[in-house]
């Protein structure tokens, strides 16, 4: 599936899924562009997987009624109830000081 895909393939798949959602709702690229405040070219490029901005993806998902997909995409971090009790009253700790990608 997508685990073995490279970045370009993943972007194309994301675009194809957005396009499929739009078509399933019988909305033209021009109509969703107007409703989302985007140009039709931006929508077409996003659906082709041509590296859309995250803001573009959010606007399209909003118009398609699928903002809930973002919860599956990047779930909110959760803590176990016991961990929450242990941390009560203590300030939040910062991440380690190691440089990005090294540690």
PDB file of N, CA and C in Angstrom:
ATOM      1  N   UNK A   1       0.841  -1.193   0.000  1.00  0.00           N
ATOM      2  CA  UNK A   1       0.000   0.000   0.000  1.00  0.00           C
ATOM      3  C   UNK A   1       0.874   1.239   0.000  1.00  0.00           C
ATOM      4  N   UNK A   2       0.506   2.265   0.724  1.00  0.00           N
ATOM      5  CA  UNK A   2       1.251   3.518   0.698  1.00  0.00           C
ATOM      6  C   UNK A   2       2.560   3.452   1.479  1.00  0.00           C
ATOM      7  N   UNK A   3       2.742   2.463   2.335  1.00  0.00           N
ATOM      8  CA  UNK A   3       3.978   2.364   3.113  1.00  0.00           C
ATOM      9  C   UNK A   3       5.197   2.246   2.215  1.00  0.00           C
ATOM     10  N   UNK A   4       5.071   1.569   1.088  1.00  0.00           N
ATOM     11  CA  UNK A   4       6.203   1.351   0.195  1.00  0.00           C
ATOM     12  C   UNK A   4       6.293   2.414  -0.907  1.00  0.00           C
ATOM     13  N   UNK A   5       5.351   3.330  -0.946  1.00  0.00           N
ATOM     14  CA  UNK A   5       5.308   4.337  -2.007  1.00  0.00           C
ATOM     15  C   UNK A   5       6.284   5.476  -1.709  1.00  0.00           C
ATOM     16  N   UNK A   6       6.766   6.093  -2.771  1.00  0.00           N
ATOM     17  CA  UNK A   6       7.611   7.274  -2.570  1.00  0.00           C
ATOM     18  C   UNK A   6       6.700   8.502  -2.416  1.00  0.00           C
ATOM     19  N   UNK A   7       7.302   9.643  -2.123  1.00  0.00           N
ATOM     20  CA  UNK A   7       6.520  10.855  -1.852  1.00  0.00           C
ATOM     21  C   UNK A   7       5.634  11.258  -3.033  1.00  0.00           C
ATOM     22  N   UNK A   8       6.145  11.165  -4.230  1.00  0.00           N
ATOM     23  CA  UNK A   8       5.366  11.546  -5.414  1.00  0.00           C
ATOM     24  C   UNK A   8       4.150  10.646  -5.568  1.00  0.00           C
ATOM     25  N   UNK A   9       4.333   9.349  -5.354  1.00  0.00           N
ATOM     26  CA  UNK A   9       3.206   8.411  -5.453  1.00  0.00           C
ATOM     27  C   UNK A   9       2.160   8.687  -4.380  1.00  0.00           C
ATOM     28  N   UNK A  10       2.609   9.033  -3.195  1.00  0.00           N
ATOM     29  CA  UNK A  10       1.673   9.339  -2.106  1.00  0.00           C
ATOM     30  C   UNK A  10       0.880  10.603  -2.434  1.00  0.00           C
ATOM     31  N   UNK A  11       1.548  11.631  -2.972  1.00  0.00           N
ATOM     32  CA  UNK A  11       0.848  12.854  -3.340  1.00  0.00           C
ATOM     33  C   UNK A  11      -0.181  12.594  -4.439  1.00  0.00           C
ATOM     34  N   UNK A  12       0.184  11.763  -5.403  1.00  0.00           N
ATOM     35  CA  UNK A  12      -0.762  11.420  -6.469  1.00  0.00           C
ATOM     36  C   UNK A  12      -1.965  10.676  -5.902  1.00  0.00           C
ATOM     37  N   UNK A  13      -1.729   9.768  -4.965  1.00  0.00           N
ATOM     38  CA  UNK A  13      -2.828   9.018  -4.352  1.00  0.00           C
ATOM     39  C   UNK A  13      -3.728   9.945  -3.545  1.00  0.00           C
ATOM     40  N   UNK A  14      -3.141  10.860  -2.800  1.00  0.00           N
ATOM     41  CA  UNK A  14      -3.932  11.833  -2.047  1.00  0.00           C
ATOM     42  C   UNK A  14      -4.808  12.649  -2.983  1.00  0.00           C
ATOM     43  N   UNK A  15      -4.218  13.133  -4.071  1.00  0.00           N
ATOM     44  CA  UNK A  15      -4.976  13.902  -5.053  1.00  0.00           C
ATOM     45  C   UNK A  15      -6.092  13.079  -5.678  1.00  0.00           C
ATOM     46  N   UNK A  16      -5.787  11.823  -5.996  1.00  0.00           N
ATOM     47  CA  UNK A  16      -6.802  10.948  -6.601  1.00  0.00           C
ATOM     48  C   UNK A  16      -7.961  10.716  -5.643  1.00  0.00           C
ATOM     49  N   UNK A  17      -7.660  10.596  -4.363  1.00  0.00           N
ATOM     50  CA  UNK A  17      -8.734  10.389  -3.376  1.00  0.00           C
ATOM     51  C   UNK A  17      -9.602  11.637  -3.238  1.00  0.00           C
ATOM     52  N   UNK A  18      -8.974  12.797  -3.245  1.00  0.00           N
ATOM     53  CA  UNK A  18      -9.745  14.044  -3.173  1.00  0.00           C
ATOM     54  C   UNK A  18     -10.623  14.164  -4.414  1.00  0.00           C
ATOM     55  N   UNK A  19     -10.073  13.870  -5.569  1.00  0.00           N
ATOM     56  CA  UNK A  19     -10.842  13.930  -6.825  1.00  0.00           C
ATOM     57  C   UNK A  19     -12.025  12.956  -6.781  1.00  0.00           C
ATOM     58  N   UNK A  20     -11.781  11.743  -6.285  1.00  0.00           N
ATOM     59  CA  UNK A  20     -12.852  10.746  -6.199  1.00  0.00           C
ATOM     60  C   UNK A  20     -13.971  11.217  -5.276  1.00  0.00           C
ATOM     61  N   UNK A  21     -13.613  11.846  -4.164  1.00  0.00           N
ATOM     62  CA  UNK A  21     -14.635  12.393  -3.257  1.00  0.00           C
ATOM     63  C   UNK A  21     -15.459  13.466  -3.961  1.00  0.00           C
ATOM     64  N   UNK A  22     -14.764  14.341  -4.687  1.00  0.00           N
ATOM     65  CA  UNK A  22     -15.457  15.424  -5.398  1.00  0.00           C
ATOM     66  C   UNK A  22     -16.409  14.857  -6.441  1.00  0.00           C
ATOM     67  N   UNK A  23     -15.933  13.907  -7.214  1.00  0.00           N
ATOM     68  CA  UNK A  23     -16.764  13.319  -8.272  1.00  0.00           C
ATOM     69  C   UNK A  23     -17.941  12.555  -7.672  1.00  0.00           C
ATOM     70  N   UNK A  24     -17.707  11.850  -6.567  1.00  0.00           N
ATOM     71  CA  UNK A  24     -18.794  11.115  -5.908  1.00  0.00           C
ATOM     72  C   UNK A  24     -19.905  12.049  -5.443  1.00  0.00           C
ATOM     73  N   UNK A  25     -19.552  13.289  -5.149  1.00  0.00           N
ATOM     74  CA  UNK A  25     -20.542  14.287  -4.735  1.00  0.00           C
ATOM     75  C   UNK A  25     -21.060  15.102  -5.914  1.00  0.00           C
ATOM     76  N   UNK A  26     -20.636  14.718  -7.123  1.00  0.00           N
ATOM     77  CA  UNK A  26     -21.106  15.349  -8.348  1.00  0.00           C
ATOM     78  C   UNK A  26     -20.842  16.864  -8.360  1.00  0.00           C
ATOM     79  N   UNK A  27     -19.608  17.219  -7.974  1.00  0.00           N
ATOM     80  CA  UNK A  27     -19.200  18.623  -7.942  1.00  0.00           C
ATOM     81  C   UNK A  27     -18.100  18.807  -8.979  1.00  0.00           C
ATOM     82  N   UNK A  28     -18.190  19.847  -9.777  1.00  0.00           N
ATOM     83  CA  UNK A  28     -17.148  20.103 -10.762  1.00  0.00           C
ATOM     84  C   UNK A  28     -15.945  20.754 -10.074  1.00  0.00           C
ATOM     85  N   UNK A  29     -14.793  20.664 -10.723  1.00  0.00           N
ATOM     86  CA  UNK A  29     -13.586  21.294 -10.187  1.00  0.00           C
ATOM     87  C   UNK A  29     -13.789  22.807 -10.085  1.00  0.00           C
ATOM     88  N   UNK A  30     -14.477  23.386 -11.058  1.00  0.00           N
ATOM     89  CA  UNK A  30     -14.728  24.829 -11.034  1.00  0.00           C
ATOM     90  C   UNK A  30     -15.648  25.209  -9.873  1.00  0.00           C
ATOM     91  N   UNK A  31     -16.660  24.379  -9.603  1.00  0.00           N
ATOM     92  CA  UNK A  31     -17.595  24.680  -8.510  1.00  0.00           C
ATOM     93  C   UNK A  31     -16.918  24.590  -7.147  1.00  0.00           C
ATOM     94  N   UNK A  32     -16.153  23.524  -6.933  1.00  0.00           N
ATOM     95  CA  UNK A  32     -15.504  23.397  -5.618  1.00  0.00           C
ATOM     96  C   UNK A  32     -14.448  24.479  -5.444  1.00  0.00           C
ATOM     97  N   UNK A  33     -13.788  24.858  -6.526  1.00  0.00           N
ATOM     98  CA  UNK A  33     -12.799  25.932  -6.465  1.00  0.00           C
ATOM     99  C   UNK A  33     -13.470  27.224  -6.009  1.00  0.00           C
ATOM    100  N   UNK A  34     -14.597  27.554  -6.601  1.00  0.00           N
ATOM    101  CA  UNK A  34     -15.310  28.783  -6.244  1.00  0.00           C
ATOM    102  C   UNK A  34     -15.763  28.735  -4.785  1.00  0.00           C
ATOM    103  N   UNK A  35     -16.299  27.604  -4.364  1.00  0.00           N
ATOM    104  CA  UNK A  35     -16.789  27.468  -2.988  1.00  0.00           C
ATOM    105  C   UNK A  35     -15.653  27.517  -1.969  1.00  0.00           C
ATOM    106  N   UNK A  36     -14.477  27.006  -2.337  1.00  0.00           N
ATOM    107  CA  UNK A  36     -13.343  26.947  -1.411  1.00  0.00           C
ATOM    108  C   UNK A  36     -12.465  28.196  -1.489  1.00  0.00           C
ATOM    109  N   UNK A  37     -12.764  29.088  -2.433  1.00  0.00           N
ATOM    110  CA  UNK A  37     -11.948  30.284  -2.586  1.00  0.00           C
ATOM    111  C   UNK A  37     -10.601  29.987  -3.234  1.00  0.00           C
ATOM    112  N   UNK A  38     -10.596  29.011  -4.127  1.00  0.00           N
ATOM    113  CA  UNK A  38      -9.385  28.606  -4.837  1.00  0.00           C
ATOM    114  C   UNK A  38      -9.590  28.791  -6.328  1.00  0.00           C
ATOM    115  N   UNK A  39      -8.513  28.750  -7.072  1.00  0.00           N
ATOM    116  CA  UNK A  39      -8.665  28.757  -8.527  1.00  0.00           C
ATOM    117  C   UNK A  39      -8.897  27.314  -8.986  1.00  0.00           C
ATOM    118  N   UNK A  40      -9.531  27.170 -10.132  1.00  0.00           N
ATOM    119  CA  UNK A  40      -9.757  25.835 -10.694  1.00  0.00           C
ATOM    120  C   UNK A  40      -8.418  25.145 -10.967  1.00  0.00           C
ATOM    121  N   UNK A  41      -7.430  25.921 -11.381  1.00  0.00           N
ATOM    122  CA  UNK A  41      -6.097  25.357 -11.640  1.00  0.00           C
ATOM    123  C   UNK A  41      -5.507  24.768 -10.359  1.00  0.00           C
ATOM    124  N   UNK A  42      -5.694  25.446  -9.238  1.00  0.00           N
ATOM    125  CA  UNK A  42      -5.196  24.942  -7.956  1.00  0.00           C
ATOM    126  C   UNK A  42      -5.852  23.615  -7.612  1.00  0.00           C
ATOM    127  N   UNK A  43      -7.161  23.523  -7.823  1.00  0.00           N
ATOM    128  CA  UNK A  43      -7.885  22.282  -7.540  1.00  0.00           C
ATOM    129  C   UNK A  43      -7.391  21.169  -8.457  1.00  0.00           C
ATOM    130  N   UNK A  44      -7.267  21.445  -9.725  1.00  0.00           N
ATOM    131  CA  UNK A  44      -6.818  20.435 -10.687  1.00  0.00           C
ATOM    132  C   UNK A  44      -5.401  19.963 -10.351  1.00  0.00           C
ATOM    133  N   UNK A  45      -4.526  20.904 -10.003  1.00  0.00           N
ATOM    134  CA  UNK A  45      -3.165  20.532  -9.621  1.00  0.00           C
ATOM    135  C   UNK A  45      -3.145  19.706  -8.334  1.00  0.00           C
ATOM    136  N   UNK A  46      -3.975  20.066  -7.374  1.00  0.00           N
ATOM    137  CA  UNK A  46      -4.049  19.308  -6.121  1.00  0.00           C
ATOM    138  C   UNK A  46      -4.520  17.887  -6.392  1.00  0.00           C
ATOM    139  N   UNK A  47      -5.524  17.757  -7.235  1.00  0.00           N
ATOM    140  CA  UNK A  47      -6.054  16.429  -7.559  1.00  0.00           C
ATOM    141  C   UNK A  47      -5.064  15.596  -8.360  1.00  0.00           C
ATOM    142  N   UNK A  48      -4.133  16.254  -9.024  1.00  0.00           N
ATOM    143  CA  UNK A  48      -3.092  15.541  -9.764  1.00  0.00           C
ATOM    144  C   UNK A  48      -1.898  15.213  -8.867  1.00  0.00           C
ATOM    145  N   UNK A  49      -1.962  15.652  -7.610  1.00  0.00           N
ATOM    146  CA  UNK A  49      -0.880  15.371  -6.678  1.00  0.00           C
ATOM    147  C   UNK A  49       0.324  16.257  -6.863  1.00  0.00           C
ATOM    148  N   UNK A  50       0.119  17.420  -7.440  1.00  0.00           N
ATOM    149  CA  UNK A  50       1.230  18.341  -7.700  1.00  0.00           C
ATOM    150  C   UNK A  50       1.520  19.221  -6.482  1.00  0.00           C
ATOM    151  N   UNK A  51       1.860  18.564  -5.397  1.00  0.00           N
ATOM    152  CA  UNK A  51       2.307  19.206  -4.163  1.00  0.00           C
ATOM    153  C   UNK A  51       1.418  20.356  -3.700  1.00  0.00           C
ATOM    154  N   UNK A  52       0.140  20.076  -3.391  1.00  0.00           N
ATOM    155  CA  UNK A  52      -0.734  21.160  -2.940  1.00  0.00           C
ATOM    156  C   UNK A  52      -0.327  21.638  -1.553  1.00  0.00           C
ATOM    157  N   UNK A  53      -0.596  22.889  -1.279  1.00  0.00           N
ATOM    158  CA  UNK A  53      -0.377  23.418   0.069  1.00  0.00           C
ATOM    159  C   UNK A  53      -1.355  22.735   1.010  1.00  0.00           C
ATOM    160  N   UNK A  54      -0.968  22.610   2.262  1.00  0.00           N
ATOM    161  CA  UNK A  54      -1.841  22.008   3.257  1.00  0.00           C
ATOM    162  C   UNK A  54      -3.139  22.797   3.371  1.00  0.00           C
ATOM    163  N   UNK A  55      -3.048  24.112   3.250  1.00  0.00           N
ATOM    164  CA  UNK A  55      -4.244  24.957   3.307  1.00  0.00           C
ATOM    165  C   UNK A  55      -5.222  24.577   2.189  1.00  0.00           C
ATOM    166  N   UNK A  56      -4.703  24.257   1.016  1.00  0.00           N
ATOM    167  CA  UNK A  56      -5.551  23.841  -0.104  1.00  0.00           C
ATOM    168  C   UNK A  56      -6.267  22.545   0.232  1.00  0.00           C
ATOM    169  N   UNK A  57      -5.534  21.591   0.788  1.00  0.00           N
ATOM    170  CA  UNK A  57      -6.132  20.305   1.162  1.00  0.00           C
ATOM    171  C   UNK A  57      -7.226  20.516   2.204  1.00  0.00           C
ATOM    172  N   UNK A  58      -6.961  21.355   3.196  1.00  0.00           N
ATOM    173  CA  UNK A  58      -7.953  21.626   4.241  1.00  0.00           C
ATOM    174  C   UNK A  58      -9.210  22.261   3.636  1.00  0.00           C
ATOM    175  N   UNK A  59      -9.029  23.232   2.756  1.00  0.00           N
ATOM    176  CA  UNK A  59     -10.185  23.892   2.131  1.00  0.00           C
ATOM    177  C   UNK A  59     -11.004  22.892   1.319  1.00  0.00           C
ATOM    178  N   UNK A  60     -10.331  22.016   0.586  1.00  0.00           N
ATOM    179  CA  UNK A  60     -11.051  21.027  -0.219  1.00  0.00           C
ATOM    180  C   UNK A  60     -11.782  20.031   0.673  1.00  0.00           C
ATOM    181  N   UNK A  61     -11.119  19.553   1.714  1.00  0.00           N
ATOM    182  CA  UNK A  61     -11.778  18.610   2.629  1.00  0.00           C
ATOM    183  C   UNK A  61     -12.978  19.256   3.310  1.00  0.00           C
ATOM    184  N   UNK A  62     -12.864  20.540   3.652  1.00  0.00           N
ATOM    185  CA  UNK A  62     -13.993  21.247   4.274  1.00  0.00           C
ATOM    186  C   UNK A  62     -15.186  21.271   3.315  1.00  0.00           C
ATOM    187  N   UNK A  63     -14.936  21.627   2.053  1.00  0.00           N
ATOM    188  CA  UNK A  63     -16.025  21.704   1.075  1.00  0.00           C
ATOM    189  C   UNK A  63     -16.605  20.322   0.763  1.00  0.00           C
ATOM    190  N   UNK A  64     -15.799  19.291   0.923  1.00  0.00           N
ATOM    191  CA  UNK A  64     -16.273  17.926   0.666  1.00  0.00           C
ATOM    192  C   UNK A  64     -16.890  17.295   1.911  1.00  0.00           C
ATOM    193  N   UNK A  65     -16.941  18.049   3.013  1.00  0.00           N
ATOM    194  CA  UNK A  65     -17.520  17.522   4.252  1.00  0.00           C
ATOM    195  C   UNK A  65     -16.675  16.424   4.867  1.00  0.00           C
ATOM    196  N   UNK A  66     -15.359  16.499   4.690  1.00  0.00           N
ATOM    197  CA  UNK A  66     -14.484  15.430   5.174  1.00  0.00           C
ATOM    198  C   UNK A  66     -13.336  15.938   6.039  1.00  0.00           C
ATOM    199  N   UNK A  67     -13.535  17.005   6.780  1.00  0.00           N
ATOM    200  CA  UNK A  67     -12.499  17.460   7.701  1.00  0.00           C
ATOM    201  C   UNK A  67     -12.179  16.396   8.753  1.00  0.00           C
ATOM    202  N   UNK A  68     -13.146  15.508   9.001  1.00  0.00           N
ATOM    203  CA  UNK A  68     -12.900  14.420   9.948  1.00  0.00           C
ATOM    204  C   UNK A  68     -11.743  13.528   9.501  1.00  0.00           C
ATOM    205  N   UNK A  69     -11.428  13.553   8.212  1.00  0.00           N
ATOM    206  CA  UNK A  69     -10.320  12.746   7.705  1.00  0.00           C
ATOM    207  C   UNK A  69      -8.995  13.201   8.309  1.00  0.00           C
ATOM    208  N   UNK A  70      -8.919  14.448   8.742  1.00  0.00           N
ATOM    209  CA  UNK A  70      -7.688  14.935   9.356  1.00  0.00           C
ATOM    210  C   UNK A  70      -7.413  14.261  10.693  1.00  0.00           C
ATOM    211  N   UNK A  71      -8.466  13.861  11.418  1.00  0.00           N
ATOM    212  CA  UNK A  71      -8.268  13.133  12.675  1.00  0.00           C
ATOM    213  C   UNK A  71      -7.619  11.780  12.426  1.00  0.00           C
ATOM    214  N   UNK A  72      -7.993  11.141  11.341  1.00  0.00           N
ATOM    215  CA  UNK A  72      -7.362   9.863  11.002  1.00  0.00           C
ATOM    216  C   UNK A  72      -5.961  10.087  10.456  1.00  0.00           C
ATOM    217  N   UNK A  73      -5.770  11.194   9.767  1.00  0.00           N
ATOM    218  CA  UNK A  73      -4.488  11.533   9.153  1.00  0.00           C
ATOM    219  C   UNK A  73      -3.423  11.779  10.226  1.00  0.00           C
ATOM    220  N   UNK A  74      -3.737  12.642  11.178  1.00  0.00           N
ATOM    221  CA  UNK A  74      -2.837  12.936  12.289  1.00  0.00           C
ATOM    222  C   UNK A  74      -3.692  12.984  13.560  1.00  0.00           C
ATOM    223  N   UNK A  75      -3.817  11.837  14.243  1.00  0.00           N
ATOM    224  CA  UNK A  75      -4.642  11.813  15.451  1.00  0.00           C
ATOM    225  C   UNK A  75      -4.053  12.706  16.542  1.00  0.00           C
ATOM    226  N   UNK A  76      -4.926  13.261  17.355  1.00  0.00           N
ATOM    227  CA  UNK A  76      -4.470  14.068  18.483  1.00  0.00           C
ATOM    228  C   UNK A  76      -3.727  13.164  19.457  1.00  0.00           C
ATOM    229  N   UNK A  77      -2.597  13.642  19.992  1.00  0.00           N
ATOM    230  CA  UNK A  77      -1.868  12.825  20.962  1.00  0.00           C
ATOM    231  C   UNK A  77      -2.703  12.640  22.218  1.00  0.00           C
ATOM    232  N   UNK A  78      -2.591  11.492  22.792  1.00  0.00           N
ATOM    233  CA  UNK A  78      -3.355  11.208  24.008  1.00  0.00           C
ATOM    234  C   UNK A  78      -2.404  10.720  25.087  1.00  0.00           C
ATOM    235  N   UNK A  79      -2.808  10.899  26.319  1.00  0.00           N
ATOM    236  CA  UNK A  79      -2.049  10.394  27.462  1.00  0.00           C
ATOM    237  C   UNK A  79      -2.962   9.491  28.262  1.00  0.00           C
ATOM    238  N   UNK A  80      -2.376   8.470  28.833  1.00  0.00           N
ATOM    239  CA  UNK A  80      -3.138   7.579  29.704  1.00  0.00           C
ATOM    240  C   UNK A  80      -3.571   8.354  30.945  1.00  0.00           C
ATOM    241  N   UNK A  81      -4.738   8.039  31.508  1.00  0.00           N
ATOM    242  CA  UNK A  81      -5.221   8.761  32.689  1.00  0.00           C
ATOM    243  C   UNK A  81      -4.216   8.769  33.841  1.00  0.00           C
ATOM    244  N   UNK A  82      -3.495   7.672  34.069  1.00  0.00           N
ATOM    245  CA  UNK A  82      -2.509   7.645  35.151  1.00  0.00           C
ATOM    246  C   UNK A  82      -1.358   8.599  34.886  1.00  0.00           C
ATOM    247  N   UNK A  83      -0.949   8.715  33.622  1.00  0.00           N
ATOM    248  CA  UNK A  83       0.108   9.657  33.272  1.00  0.00           C
ATOM    249  C   UNK A  83      -0.346  11.091  33.529  1.00  0.00           C
ATOM    250  N   UNK A  84      -1.601  11.382  33.226  1.00  0.00           N
ATOM    251  CA  UNK A  84      -2.138  12.719  33.479  1.00  0.00           C
ATOM    252  C   UNK A  84      -2.104  13.047  34.969  1.00  0.00           C
ATOM    253  N   UNK A  85      -2.469  12.068  35.806  1.00  0.00           N
ATOM    254  CA  UNK A  85      -2.440  12.293  37.255  1.00  0.00           C
ATOM    255  C   UNK A  85      -1.019  12.511  37.757  1.00  0.00           C
ATOM    256  N   UNK A  86      -0.071  11.766  37.213  1.00  0.00           N
ATOM    257  CA  UNK A  86       1.330  11.913  37.625  1.00  0.00           C
ATOM    258  C   UNK A  86       1.870  13.287  37.272  1.00  0.00           C
ATOM    259  N   UNK A  87       1.447  13.841  36.146  1.00  0.00           N
ATOM    260  CA  UNK A  87       1.974  15.125  35.668  1.00  0.00           C
ATOM    261  C   UNK A  87       1.267  16.326  36.278  1.00  0.00           C
ATOM    262  N   UNK A  88       0.153  16.103  36.963  1.00  0.00           N
ATOM    263  CA  UNK A  88      -0.631  17.215  37.488  1.00  0.00           C
ATOM    264  C   UNK A  88       0.247  18.121  38.350  1.00  0.00           C
ATOM    265  N   UNK A  89       0.209  19.389  38.056  1.00  0.00           N
ATOM    266  CA  UNK A  89       0.957  20.363  38.828  1.00  0.00           C
ATOM    267  C   UNK A  89       2.399  20.544  38.384  1.00  0.00           C
ATOM    268  N   UNK A  90       2.894  19.682  37.523  1.00  0.00           N
ATOM    269  CA  UNK A  90       4.271  19.830  37.041  1.00  0.00           C
ATOM    270  C   UNK A  90       4.248  20.523  35.690  1.00  0.00           C
ATOM    271  N   UNK A  91       5.206  21.399  35.463  1.00  0.00           N
ATOM    272  CA  UNK A  91       5.240  22.079  34.159  1.00  0.00           C
ATOM    273  C   UNK A  91       5.575  21.098  33.034  1.00  0.00           C
ATOM    274  N   UNK A  92       5.139  21.433  31.868  1.00  0.00           N
ATOM    275  CA  UNK A  92       5.399  20.617  30.683  1.00  0.00           C
ATOM    276  C   UNK A  92       6.887  20.621  30.405  1.00  0.00           C
ATOM    277  N   UNK A  93       7.449  19.441  30.093  1.00  0.00           N
ATOM    278  CA  UNK A  93       8.859  19.358  29.761  1.00  0.00           C
ATOM    279  C   UNK A  93       9.067  19.581  28.286  1.00  0.00           C
ATOM    280  N   UNK A  94      10.217  20.165  27.944  1.00  0.00           N
ATOM    281  CA  UNK A  94      10.539  20.412  26.550  1.00  0.00           C
ATOM    282  C   UNK A  94      11.114  19.141  25.951  1.00  0.00           C
ATOM    283  N   UNK A  95      11.077  19.082  24.635  1.00  0.00           N
ATOM    284  CA  UNK A  95      11.693  17.969  23.919  1.00  0.00           C
ATOM    285  C   UNK A  95      13.202  18.054  24.104  1.00  0.00           C
ATOM    286  N   UNK A  96      13.883  16.945  23.839  1.00  0.00           N
ATOM    287  CA  UNK A  96      15.337  16.917  24.012  1.00  0.00           C
ATOM    288  C   UNK A  96      15.990  17.953  23.112  1.00  0.00           C
ATOM    289  N   UNK A  97      17.180  18.362  23.477  1.00  0.00           N
ATOM    290  CA  UNK A  97      17.888  19.399  22.731  1.00  0.00           C
ATOM    291  C   UNK A  97      18.685  18.891  21.551  1.00  0.00           C
ATOM    292  N   UNK A  98      18.513  17.600  21.207  1.00  0.00           N
ATOM    293  CA  UNK A  98      19.293  17.091  20.066  1.00  0.00           C
ATOM    294  C   UNK A  98      18.780  17.681  18.769  1.00  0.00           C
ATOM    295  N   UNK A  99      19.695  17.954  17.824  1.00  0.00           N
ATOM    296  CA  UNK A  99      19.287  18.514  16.531  1.00  0.00           C
ATOM    297  C   UNK A  99      18.313  17.595  15.800  1.00  0.00           C
ATOM    298  N   UNK A 100      17.481  18.188  14.950  1.00  0.00           N
ATOM    299  CA  UNK A 100      16.502  17.416  14.171  1.00  0.00           C
ATOM    300  C   UNK A 100      17.190  16.334  13.371  1.00  0.00           C
ATOM    301  N   UNK A 101      16.556  15.156  13.404  1.00  0.00           N
ATOM    302  CA  UNK A 101      17.024  14.053  12.594  1.00  0.00           C
ATOM    303  C   UNK A 101      18.274  13.383  13.131  1.00  0.00           C
ATOM    304  N   UNK A 102      18.713  13.771  14.339  1.00  0.00           N
ATOM    305  CA  UNK A 102      19.912  13.169  14.908  1.00  0.00           C
ATOM    306  C   UNK A 102      19.632  12.685  16.321  1.00  0.00           C
ATOM    307  N   UNK A 103      18.824  11.677  16.431  1.00  0.00           N
ATOM    308  CA  UNK A 103      18.663  11.196  17.786  1.00  0.00           C
ATOM    309  C   UNK A 103      17.356  10.736  18.062  1.00  0.00           C
TER     310      UNK A 103
END
